[in-house]
Amino acid sequence: MAITKPKLPVDAAAFIAAAPDASANERAANFDHLPGARRFKKIQVTMTITPELLAQVDGQSARMGLTRAAFISTALYELLERHTR
């Protein structure tokens, strides 16, 4: 019989904090209050944009600690909210 170490209970917060990208996760958590940042059932779409706009989107999403998709989704939600009132 093999000797194995007992499995210790995993504290989710400690596990996440130990991740290499923990600071990005913590920054992303600050955007949970935005309605567009909530998780819903989503549909994948394809879009074409200029390389310059994509570079701006990638730069801003990185600074905010969001994925490109989360940044675009949140931006679209906020734009629609502003123009449908």
PDB file of N, CA and C in Angstrom:
ATOM      1  N   MET A   1       0.844  -1.165   0.000  1.00  0.00           N
ATOM      2  CA  MET A   1       0.000   0.000   0.000  1.00  0.00           C
ATOM      3  C   MET A   1       0.893   1.233   0.000  1.00  0.00           C
ATOM      4  N   ALA A   2       0.539   2.223  -0.821  1.00  0.00           N
ATOM      5  CA  ALA A   2       1.316   3.454  -0.929  1.00  0.00           C
ATOM      6  C   ALA A   2       1.030   4.367   0.250  1.00  0.00           C
ATOM      7  N   ILE A   3       2.058   5.098   0.639  1.00  0.00           N
ATOM      8  CA  ILE A   3       1.893   6.075   1.713  1.00  0.00           C
ATOM      9  C   ILE A   3       1.566   7.416   1.075  1.00  0.00           C
ATOM     10  N   THR A   4       0.475   8.005   1.498  1.00  0.00           N
ATOM     11  CA  THR A   4       0.065   9.307   0.948  1.00  0.00           C
ATOM     12  C   THR A   4      -0.152  10.288   2.082  1.00  0.00           C
ATOM     13  N   LYS A   5       0.050  11.554   1.777  1.00  0.00           N
ATOM     14  CA  LYS A   5      -0.196  12.602   2.759  1.00  0.00           C
ATOM     15  C   LYS A   5      -1.698  12.803   2.891  1.00  0.00           C
ATOM     16  N   PRO A   6      -2.168  13.089   4.106  1.00  0.00           N
ATOM     17  CA  PRO A   6      -3.602  13.370   4.244  1.00  0.00           C
ATOM     18  C   PRO A   6      -3.951  14.680   3.546  1.00  0.00           C
ATOM     19  N   LYS A   7      -5.119  14.714   2.943  1.00  0.00           N
ATOM     20  CA  LYS A   7      -5.558  15.933   2.267  1.00  0.00           C
ATOM     21  C   LYS A   7      -6.083  16.918   3.301  1.00  0.00           C
ATOM     22  N   LEU A   8      -5.545  18.115   3.249  1.00  0.00           N
ATOM     23  CA  LEU A   8      -5.984  19.162   4.156  1.00  0.00           C
ATOM     24  C   LEU A   8      -7.161  19.906   3.552  1.00  0.00           C
ATOM     25  N   PRO A   9      -8.067  20.413   4.372  1.00  0.00           N
ATOM     26  CA  PRO A   9      -9.162  21.211   3.814  1.00  0.00           C
ATOM     27  C   PRO A   9      -8.598  22.453   3.122  1.00  0.00           C
ATOM     28  N   VAL A  10      -9.173  22.800   1.986  1.00  0.00           N
ATOM     29  CA  VAL A  10      -8.696  23.939   1.219  1.00  0.00           C
ATOM     30  C   VAL A  10      -9.563  25.147   1.507  1.00  0.00           C
ATOM     31  N   ASP A  11      -8.921  26.226   1.961  1.00  0.00           N
ATOM     32  CA  ASP A  11      -9.618  27.491   2.167  1.00  0.00           C
ATOM     33  C   ASP A  11      -9.647  28.206   0.811  1.00  0.00           C
ATOM     34  N   ALA A  12     -10.836  28.423   0.267  1.00  0.00           N
ATOM     35  CA  ALA A  12     -10.965  29.004  -1.076  1.00  0.00           C
ATOM     36  C   ALA A  12     -10.286  30.359  -1.176  1.00  0.00           C
ATOM     37  N   ALA A  13     -10.457  31.224  -0.184  1.00  0.00           N
ATOM     38  CA  ALA A  13      -9.856  32.558  -0.232  1.00  0.00           C
ATOM     39  C   ALA A  13      -8.337  32.470  -0.239  1.00  0.00           C
ATOM     40  N   ALA A  14      -7.772  31.576   0.571  1.00  0.00           N
ATOM     41  CA  ALA A  14      -6.321  31.419   0.608  1.00  0.00           C
ATOM     42  C   ALA A  14      -5.809  30.850  -0.710  1.00  0.00           C
ATOM     43  N   PHE A  15      -6.557  29.912  -1.286  1.00  0.00           N
ATOM     44  CA  PHE A  15      -6.167  29.324  -2.559  1.00  0.00           C
ATOM     45  C   PHE A  15      -6.124  30.384  -3.657  1.00  0.00           C
ATOM     46  N   ILE A  16      -7.160  31.224  -3.715  1.00  0.00           N
ATOM     47  CA  ILE A  16      -7.219  32.277  -4.727  1.00  0.00           C
ATOM     48  C   ILE A  16      -6.130  33.313  -4.496  1.00  0.00           C
ATOM     49  N   ALA A  17      -5.907  33.690  -3.246  1.00  0.00           N
ATOM     50  CA  ALA A  17      -4.891  34.687  -2.936  1.00  0.00           C
ATOM     51  C   ALA A  17      -3.489  34.198  -3.297  1.00  0.00           C
ATOM     52  N   ALA A  18      -3.272  32.889  -3.287  1.00  0.00           N
ATOM     53  CA  ALA A  18      -1.962  32.331  -3.611  1.00  0.00           C
ATOM     54  C   ALA A  18      -1.732  32.199  -5.114  1.00  0.00           C
ATOM     55  N   ALA A  19      -2.746  32.403  -5.912  1.00  0.00           N
ATOM     56  CA  ALA A  19      -2.603  32.281  -7.366  1.00  0.00           C
ATOM     57  C   ALA A  19      -1.684  33.366  -7.906  1.00  0.00           C
ATOM     58  N   PRO A  20      -0.913  33.065  -8.967  1.00  0.00           N
ATOM     59  CA  PRO A  20       0.015  34.055  -9.519  1.00  0.00           C
ATOM     60  C   PRO A  20      -0.680  35.323 -10.015  1.00  0.00           C
ATOM     61  N   ASP A  21      -1.914  35.193 -10.442  1.00  0.00           N
ATOM     62  CA  ASP A  21      -2.637  36.368 -10.943  1.00  0.00           C
ATOM     63  C   ASP A  21      -3.644  36.887  -9.924  1.00  0.00           C
ATOM     64  N   ALA A  22      -3.369  36.691  -8.655  1.00  0.00           N
ATOM     65  CA  ALA A  22      -4.315  37.089  -7.604  1.00  0.00           C
ATOM     66  C   ALA A  22      -4.613  38.574  -7.648  1.00  0.00           C
ATOM     67  N   SER A  23      -3.627  39.394  -7.927  1.00  0.00           N
ATOM     68  CA  SER A  23      -3.898  40.831  -7.942  1.00  0.00           C
ATOM     69  C   SER A  23      -4.897  41.185  -9.040  1.00  0.00           C
ATOM     70  N   ALA A  24      -4.809  40.534 -10.184  1.00  0.00           N
ATOM     71  CA  ALA A  24      -5.775  40.781 -11.255  1.00  0.00           C
ATOM     72  C   ALA A  24      -7.159  40.315 -10.825  1.00  0.00           C
ATOM     73  N   ASN A  25      -7.223  39.195 -10.114  1.00  0.00           N
ATOM     74  CA  ASN A  25      -8.522  38.707  -9.633  1.00  0.00           C
ATOM     75  C   ASN A  25      -9.124  39.683  -8.645  1.00  0.00           C
ATOM     76  N   GLU A  26      -8.292  40.229  -7.770  1.00  0.00           N
ATOM     77  CA  GLU A  26      -8.792  41.181  -6.787  1.00  0.00           C
ATOM     78  C   GLU A  26      -9.290  42.443  -7.471  1.00  0.00           C
ATOM     79  N   ARG A  27      -8.575  42.923  -8.502  1.00  0.00           N
ATOM     80  CA  ARG A  27      -9.034  44.110  -9.228  1.00  0.00           C
ATOM     81  C   ARG A  27     -10.342  43.820  -9.943  1.00  0.00           C
ATOM     82  N   ALA A  28     -10.465  42.651 -10.539  1.00  0.00           N
ATOM     83  CA  ALA A  28     -11.702  42.305 -11.252  1.00  0.00           C
ATOM     84  C   ALA A  28     -12.877  42.240 -10.285  1.00  0.00           C
ATOM     85  N   ALA A  29     -12.626  41.812  -9.058  1.00  0.00           N
ATOM     86  CA  ALA A  29     -13.704  41.719  -8.077  1.00  0.00           C
ATOM     87  C   ALA A  29     -14.302  43.084  -7.771  1.00  0.00           C
ATOM     88  N   ASN A  30     -13.545  44.149  -7.992  1.00  0.00           N
ATOM     89  CA  ASN A  30     -14.047  45.496  -7.742  1.00  0.00           C
ATOM     90  C   ASN A  30     -15.118  45.909  -8.741  1.00  0.00           C
ATOM     91  N   PHE A  31     -15.310  45.145  -9.799  1.00  0.00           N
ATOM     92  CA  PHE A  31     -16.279  45.502 -10.826  1.00  0.00           C
ATOM     93  C   PHE A  31     -17.557  44.677 -10.713  1.00  0.00           C
ATOM     94  N   ASP A  32     -17.683  43.899  -9.631  1.00  0.00           N
ATOM     95  CA  ASP A  32     -18.877  43.077  -9.450  1.00  0.00           C
ATOM     96  C   ASP A  32     -20.141  43.913  -9.316  1.00  0.00           C
ATOM     97  N   HIS A  33     -20.022  45.168  -8.915  1.00  0.00           N
ATOM     98  CA  HIS A  33     -21.195  46.020  -8.742  1.00  0.00           C
ATOM     99  C   HIS A  33     -21.776  46.475 -10.079  1.00  0.00           C
ATOM    100  N   LEU A  34     -21.019  46.326 -11.166  1.00  0.00           N
ATOM    101  CA  LEU A  34     -21.522  46.740 -12.476  1.00  0.00           C
ATOM    102  C   LEU A  34     -22.490  45.686 -12.998  1.00  0.00           C
ATOM    103  N   PRO A  35     -23.699  46.101 -13.393  1.00  0.00           N
ATOM    104  CA  PRO A  35     -24.682  45.121 -13.859  1.00  0.00           C
ATOM    105  C   PRO A  35     -24.183  44.288 -15.027  1.00  0.00           C
ATOM    106  N   GLY A  36     -23.406  44.874 -15.934  1.00  0.00           N
ATOM    107  CA  GLY A  36     -22.911  44.142 -17.098  1.00  0.00           C
ATOM    108  C   GLY A  36     -21.859  43.113 -16.748  1.00  0.00           C
ATOM    109  N   ALA A  37     -21.301  43.198 -15.540  1.00  0.00           N
ATOM    110  CA  ALA A  37     -20.255  42.270 -15.143  1.00  0.00           C
ATOM    111  C   ALA A  37     -20.820  40.979 -14.565  1.00  0.00           C
ATOM    112  N   ARG A  38     -22.120  40.932 -14.293  1.00  0.00           N
ATOM    113  CA  ARG A  38     -22.723  39.715 -13.761  1.00  0.00           C
ATOM    114  C   ARG A  38     -22.657  38.600 -14.785  1.00  0.00           C
ATOM    115  N   ARG A  39     -22.674  37.391 -14.288  1.00  0.00           N
ATOM    116  CA  ARG A  39     -22.595  36.244 -15.200  1.00  0.00           C
ATOM    117  C   ARG A  39     -23.999  35.786 -15.594  1.00  0.00           C
ATOM    118  N   PHE A  40     -24.262  35.790 -16.875  1.00  0.00           N
ATOM    119  CA  PHE A  40     -25.516  35.310 -17.423  1.00  0.00           C
ATOM    120  C   PHE A  40     -25.183  34.270 -18.478  1.00  0.00           C
ATOM    121  N   LYS A  41     -26.200  33.567 -18.940  1.00  0.00           N
ATOM    122  CA  LYS A  41     -25.988  32.681 -20.077  1.00  0.00           C
ATOM    123  C   LYS A  41     -25.648  33.561 -21.259  1.00  0.00           C
ATOM    124  N   LYS A  42     -24.566  33.266 -21.932  1.00  0.00           N
ATOM    125  CA  LYS A  42     -24.078  34.141 -22.994  1.00  0.00           C
ATOM    126  C   LYS A  42     -24.020  33.419 -24.329  1.00  0.00           C
ATOM    127  N   ILE A  43     -24.029  34.206 -25.383  1.00  0.00           N
ATOM    128  CA  ILE A  43     -23.926  33.696 -26.749  1.00  0.00           C
ATOM    129  C   ILE A  43     -22.650  34.259 -27.350  1.00  0.00           C
ATOM    130  N   GLN A  44     -21.869  33.405 -27.990  1.00  0.00           N
ATOM    131  CA  GLN A  44     -20.629  33.843 -28.606  1.00  0.00           C
ATOM    132  C   GLN A  44     -20.925  34.582 -29.910  1.00  0.00           C
ATOM    133  N   VAL A  45     -20.261  35.720 -30.111  1.00  0.00           N
ATOM    134  CA  VAL A  45     -20.410  36.493 -31.341  1.00  0.00           C
ATOM    135  C   VAL A  45     -19.027  36.773 -31.929  1.00  0.00           C
ATOM    136  N   THR A  46     -19.005  37.030 -33.205  1.00  0.00           N
ATOM    137  CA  THR A  46     -17.774  37.405 -33.885  1.00  0.00           C
ATOM    138  C   THR A  46     -17.933  38.829 -34.373  1.00  0.00           C
ATOM    139  N   MET A  47     -16.895  39.648 -34.164  1.00  0.00           N
ATOM    140  CA  MET A  47     -16.959  41.033 -34.618  1.00  0.00           C
ATOM    141  C   MET A  47     -15.626  41.427 -35.220  1.00  0.00           C
ATOM    142  N   THR A  48     -15.657  42.422 -36.065  1.00  0.00           N
ATOM    143  CA  THR A  48     -14.454  42.917 -36.708  1.00  0.00           C
ATOM    144  C   THR A  48     -14.236  44.360 -36.282  1.00  0.00           C
ATOM    145  N   ILE A  49     -13.055  44.654 -35.736  1.00  0.00           N
ATOM    146  CA  ILE A  49     -12.710  46.018 -35.343  1.00  0.00           C
ATOM    147  C   ILE A  49     -11.283  46.311 -35.804  1.00  0.00           C
ATOM    148  N   THR A  50     -10.926  47.577 -35.808  1.00  0.00           N
ATOM    149  CA  THR A  50      -9.589  47.960 -36.260  1.00  0.00           C
ATOM    150  C   THR A  50      -8.536  47.499 -35.256  1.00  0.00           C
ATOM    151  N   PRO A  51      -7.327  47.261 -35.714  1.00  0.00           N
ATOM    152  CA  PRO A  51      -6.249  46.875 -34.799  1.00  0.00           C
ATOM    153  C   PRO A  51      -5.993  47.934 -33.720  1.00  0.00           C
ATOM    154  N   GLU A  52      -6.152  49.211 -34.083  1.00  0.00           N
ATOM    155  CA  GLU A  52      -5.925  50.287 -33.113  1.00  0.00           C
ATOM    156  C   GLU A  52      -6.955  50.241 -31.982  1.00  0.00           C
ATOM    157  N   LEU A  53      -8.224  50.012 -32.342  1.00  0.00           N
ATOM    158  CA  LEU A  53      -9.267  49.921 -31.325  1.00  0.00           C
ATOM    159  C   LEU A  53      -9.055  48.693 -30.447  1.00  0.00           C
ATOM    160  N   LEU A  54      -8.666  47.580 -31.056  1.00  0.00           N
ATOM    161  CA  LEU A  54      -8.399  46.366 -30.291  1.00  0.00           C
ATOM    162  C   LEU A  54      -7.263  46.594 -29.306  1.00  0.00           C
ATOM    163  N   ALA A  55      -6.234  47.298 -29.718  1.00  0.00           N
ATOM    164  CA  ALA A  55      -5.113  47.595 -28.820  1.00  0.00           C
ATOM    165  C   ALA A  55      -5.579  48.443 -27.635  1.00  0.00           C
ATOM    166  N   GLN A  56      -6.459  49.407 -27.893  1.00  0.00           N
ATOM    167  CA  GLN A  56      -6.992  50.224 -26.797  1.00  0.00           C
ATOM    168  C   GLN A  56      -7.843  49.385 -25.851  1.00  0.00           C
ATOM    169  N   VAL A  57      -8.676  48.519 -26.411  1.00  0.00           N
ATOM    170  CA  VAL A  57      -9.520  47.643 -25.594  1.00  0.00           C
ATOM    171  C   VAL A  57      -8.644  46.730 -24.737  1.00  0.00           C
ATOM    172  N   ASP A  58      -7.640  46.116 -25.332  1.00  0.00           N
ATOM    173  CA  ASP A  58      -6.762  45.216 -24.593  1.00  0.00           C
ATOM    174  C   ASP A  58      -5.998  45.955 -23.494  1.00  0.00           C
ATOM    175  N   GLY A  59      -5.522  47.161 -23.803  1.00  0.00           N
ATOM    176  CA  GLY A  59      -4.795  47.935 -22.810  1.00  0.00           C
ATOM    177  C   GLY A  59      -5.669  48.319 -21.632  1.00  0.00           C
ATOM    178  N   GLN A  60      -6.866  48.822 -21.920  1.00  0.00           N
ATOM    179  CA  GLN A  60      -7.763  49.247 -20.847  1.00  0.00           C
ATOM    180  C   GLN A  60      -8.269  48.058 -20.046  1.00  0.00           C
ATOM    181  N   SER A  61      -8.591  46.964 -20.720  1.00  0.00           N
ATOM    182  CA  SER A  61      -9.080  45.792 -19.981  1.00  0.00           C
ATOM    183  C   SER A  61      -7.983  45.246 -19.069  1.00  0.00           C
ATOM    184  N   ALA A  62      -6.741  45.263 -19.516  1.00  0.00           N
ATOM    185  CA  ALA A  62      -5.629  44.806 -18.669  1.00  0.00           C
ATOM    186  C   ALA A  62      -5.464  45.719 -17.457  1.00  0.00           C
ATOM    187  N   ARG A  63      -5.565  47.023 -17.667  1.00  0.00           N
ATOM    188  CA  ARG A  63      -5.439  47.964 -16.548  1.00  0.00           C
ATOM    189  C   ARG A  63      -6.553  47.771 -15.528  1.00  0.00           C
ATOM    190  N   MET A  64      -7.726  47.361 -16.003  1.00  0.00           N
ATOM    191  CA  MET A  64      -8.872  47.167 -15.115  1.00  0.00           C
ATOM    192  C   MET A  64      -8.912  45.755 -14.529  1.00  0.00           C
ATOM    193  N   GLY A  65      -8.030  44.877 -14.993  1.00  0.00           N
ATOM    194  CA  GLY A  65      -8.017  43.506 -14.498  1.00  0.00           C
ATOM    195  C   GLY A  65      -9.154  42.665 -15.028  1.00  0.00           C
ATOM    196  N   LEU A  66      -9.651  43.009 -16.222  1.00  0.00           N
ATOM    197  CA  LEU A  66     -10.754  42.281 -16.842  1.00  0.00           C
ATOM    198  C   LEU A  66     -10.270  41.548 -18.081  1.00  0.00           C
ATOM    199  N   THR A  67     -11.009  40.536 -18.473  1.00  0.00           N
ATOM    200  CA  THR A  67     -10.740  39.916 -19.763  1.00  0.00           C
ATOM    201  C   THR A  67     -11.263  40.843 -20.853  1.00  0.00           C
ATOM    202  N   ARG A  68     -10.824  40.612 -22.053  1.00  0.00           N
ATOM    203  CA  ARG A  68     -11.308  41.408 -23.187  1.00  0.00           C
ATOM    204  C   ARG A  68     -12.827  41.270 -23.298  1.00  0.00           C
ATOM    205  N   ALA A  69     -13.324  40.044 -23.199  1.00  0.00           N
ATOM    206  CA  ALA A  69     -14.766  39.809 -23.328  1.00  0.00           C
ATOM    207  C   ALA A  69     -15.551  40.511 -22.224  1.00  0.00           C
ATOM    208  N   ALA A  70     -15.052  40.451 -20.991  1.00  0.00           N
ATOM    209  CA  ALA A  70     -15.745  41.113 -19.883  1.00  0.00           C
ATOM    210  C   ALA A  70     -15.749  42.624 -20.079  1.00  0.00           C
ATOM    211  N   PHE A  71     -14.637  43.174 -20.548  1.00  0.00           N
ATOM    212  CA  PHE A  71     -14.556  44.615 -20.781  1.00  0.00           C
ATOM    213  C   PHE A  71     -15.553  45.041 -21.859  1.00  0.00           C
ATOM    214  N   ILE A  72     -15.568  44.330 -22.978  1.00  0.00           N
ATOM    215  CA  ILE A  72     -16.473  44.680 -24.083  1.00  0.00           C
ATOM    216  C   ILE A  72     -17.926  44.522 -23.643  1.00  0.00           C
ATOM    217  N   SER A  73     -18.243  43.443 -22.943  1.00  0.00           N
ATOM    218  CA  SER A  73     -19.607  43.219 -22.479  1.00  0.00           C
ATOM    219  C   SER A  73     -20.062  44.325 -21.537  1.00  0.00           C
ATOM    220  N   THR A  74     -19.212  44.698 -20.592  1.00  0.00           N
ATOM    221  CA  THR A  74     -19.545  45.764 -19.648  1.00  0.00           C
ATOM    222  C   THR A  74     -19.698  47.105 -20.360  1.00  0.00           C
ATOM    223  N   ALA A  75     -18.808  47.396 -21.306  1.00  0.00           N
ATOM    224  CA  ALA A  75     -18.886  48.654 -22.051  1.00  0.00           C
ATOM    225  C   ALA A  75     -20.180  48.731 -22.862  1.00  0.00           C
ATOM    226  N   LEU A  76     -20.544  47.637 -23.506  1.00  0.00           N
ATOM    227  CA  LEU A  76     -21.784  47.622 -24.287  1.00  0.00           C
ATOM    228  C   LEU A  76     -22.998  47.791 -23.383  1.00  0.00           C
ATOM    229  N   TYR A  77     -22.987  47.109 -22.247  1.00  0.00           N
ATOM    230  CA  TYR A  77     -24.106  47.230 -21.316  1.00  0.00           C
ATOM    231  C   TYR A  77     -24.265  48.676 -20.848  1.00  0.00           C
ATOM    232  N   GLU A  78     -23.153  49.301 -20.458  1.00  0.00           N
ATOM    233  CA  GLU A  78     -23.216  50.684 -19.976  1.00  0.00           C
ATOM    234  C   GLU A  78     -23.667  51.651 -21.078  1.00  0.00           C
ATOM    235  N   LEU A  79     -23.227  51.440 -22.301  1.00  0.00           N
ATOM    236  CA  LEU A  79     -23.648  52.286 -23.413  1.00  0.00           C
ATOM    237  C   LEU A  79     -25.141  52.144 -23.676  1.00  0.00           C
ATOM    238  N   LEU A  80     -25.623  50.911 -23.653  1.00  0.00           N
ATOM    239  CA  LEU A  80     -27.052  50.701 -23.864  1.00  0.00           C
ATOM    240  C   LEU A  80     -27.883  51.296 -22.735  1.00  0.00           C
ATOM    241  N   GLU A  81     -27.421  51.160 -21.508  1.00  0.00           N
ATOM    242  CA  GLU A  81     -28.134  51.750 -20.374  1.00  0.00           C
ATOM    243  C   GLU A  81     -28.233  53.277 -20.520  1.00  0.00           C
ATOM    244  N   ARG A  82     -27.157  53.890 -20.941  1.00  0.00           N
ATOM    245  CA  ARG A  82     -27.127  55.345 -21.096  1.00  0.00           C
ATOM    246  C   ARG A  82     -28.088  55.837 -22.180  1.00  0.00           C
ATOM    247  N   HIS A  83     -28.235  55.042 -23.249  1.00  0.00           N
ATOM    248  CA  HIS A  83     -29.020  55.491 -24.404  1.00  0.00           C
ATOM    249  C   HIS A  83     -30.439  54.940 -24.450  1.00  0.00           C
ATOM    250  N   THR A  84     -30.825  54.150 -23.471  1.00  0.00           N
ATOM    251  CA  THR A  84     -32.189  53.612 -23.476  1.00  0.00           C
ATOM    252  C   THR A  84     -33.027  54.180 -22.339  1.00  0.00           C
ATOM    253  N   ARG A  85     -32.547  55.192 -21.690  1.00  0.00           N
ATOM    254  CA  ARG A  85     -33.295  55.807 -20.584  1.00  0.00           C
ATOM    255  C   ARG A  85     -34.206  56.878 -21.080  1.00  0.00           C
TER     256      ARG A  85
END
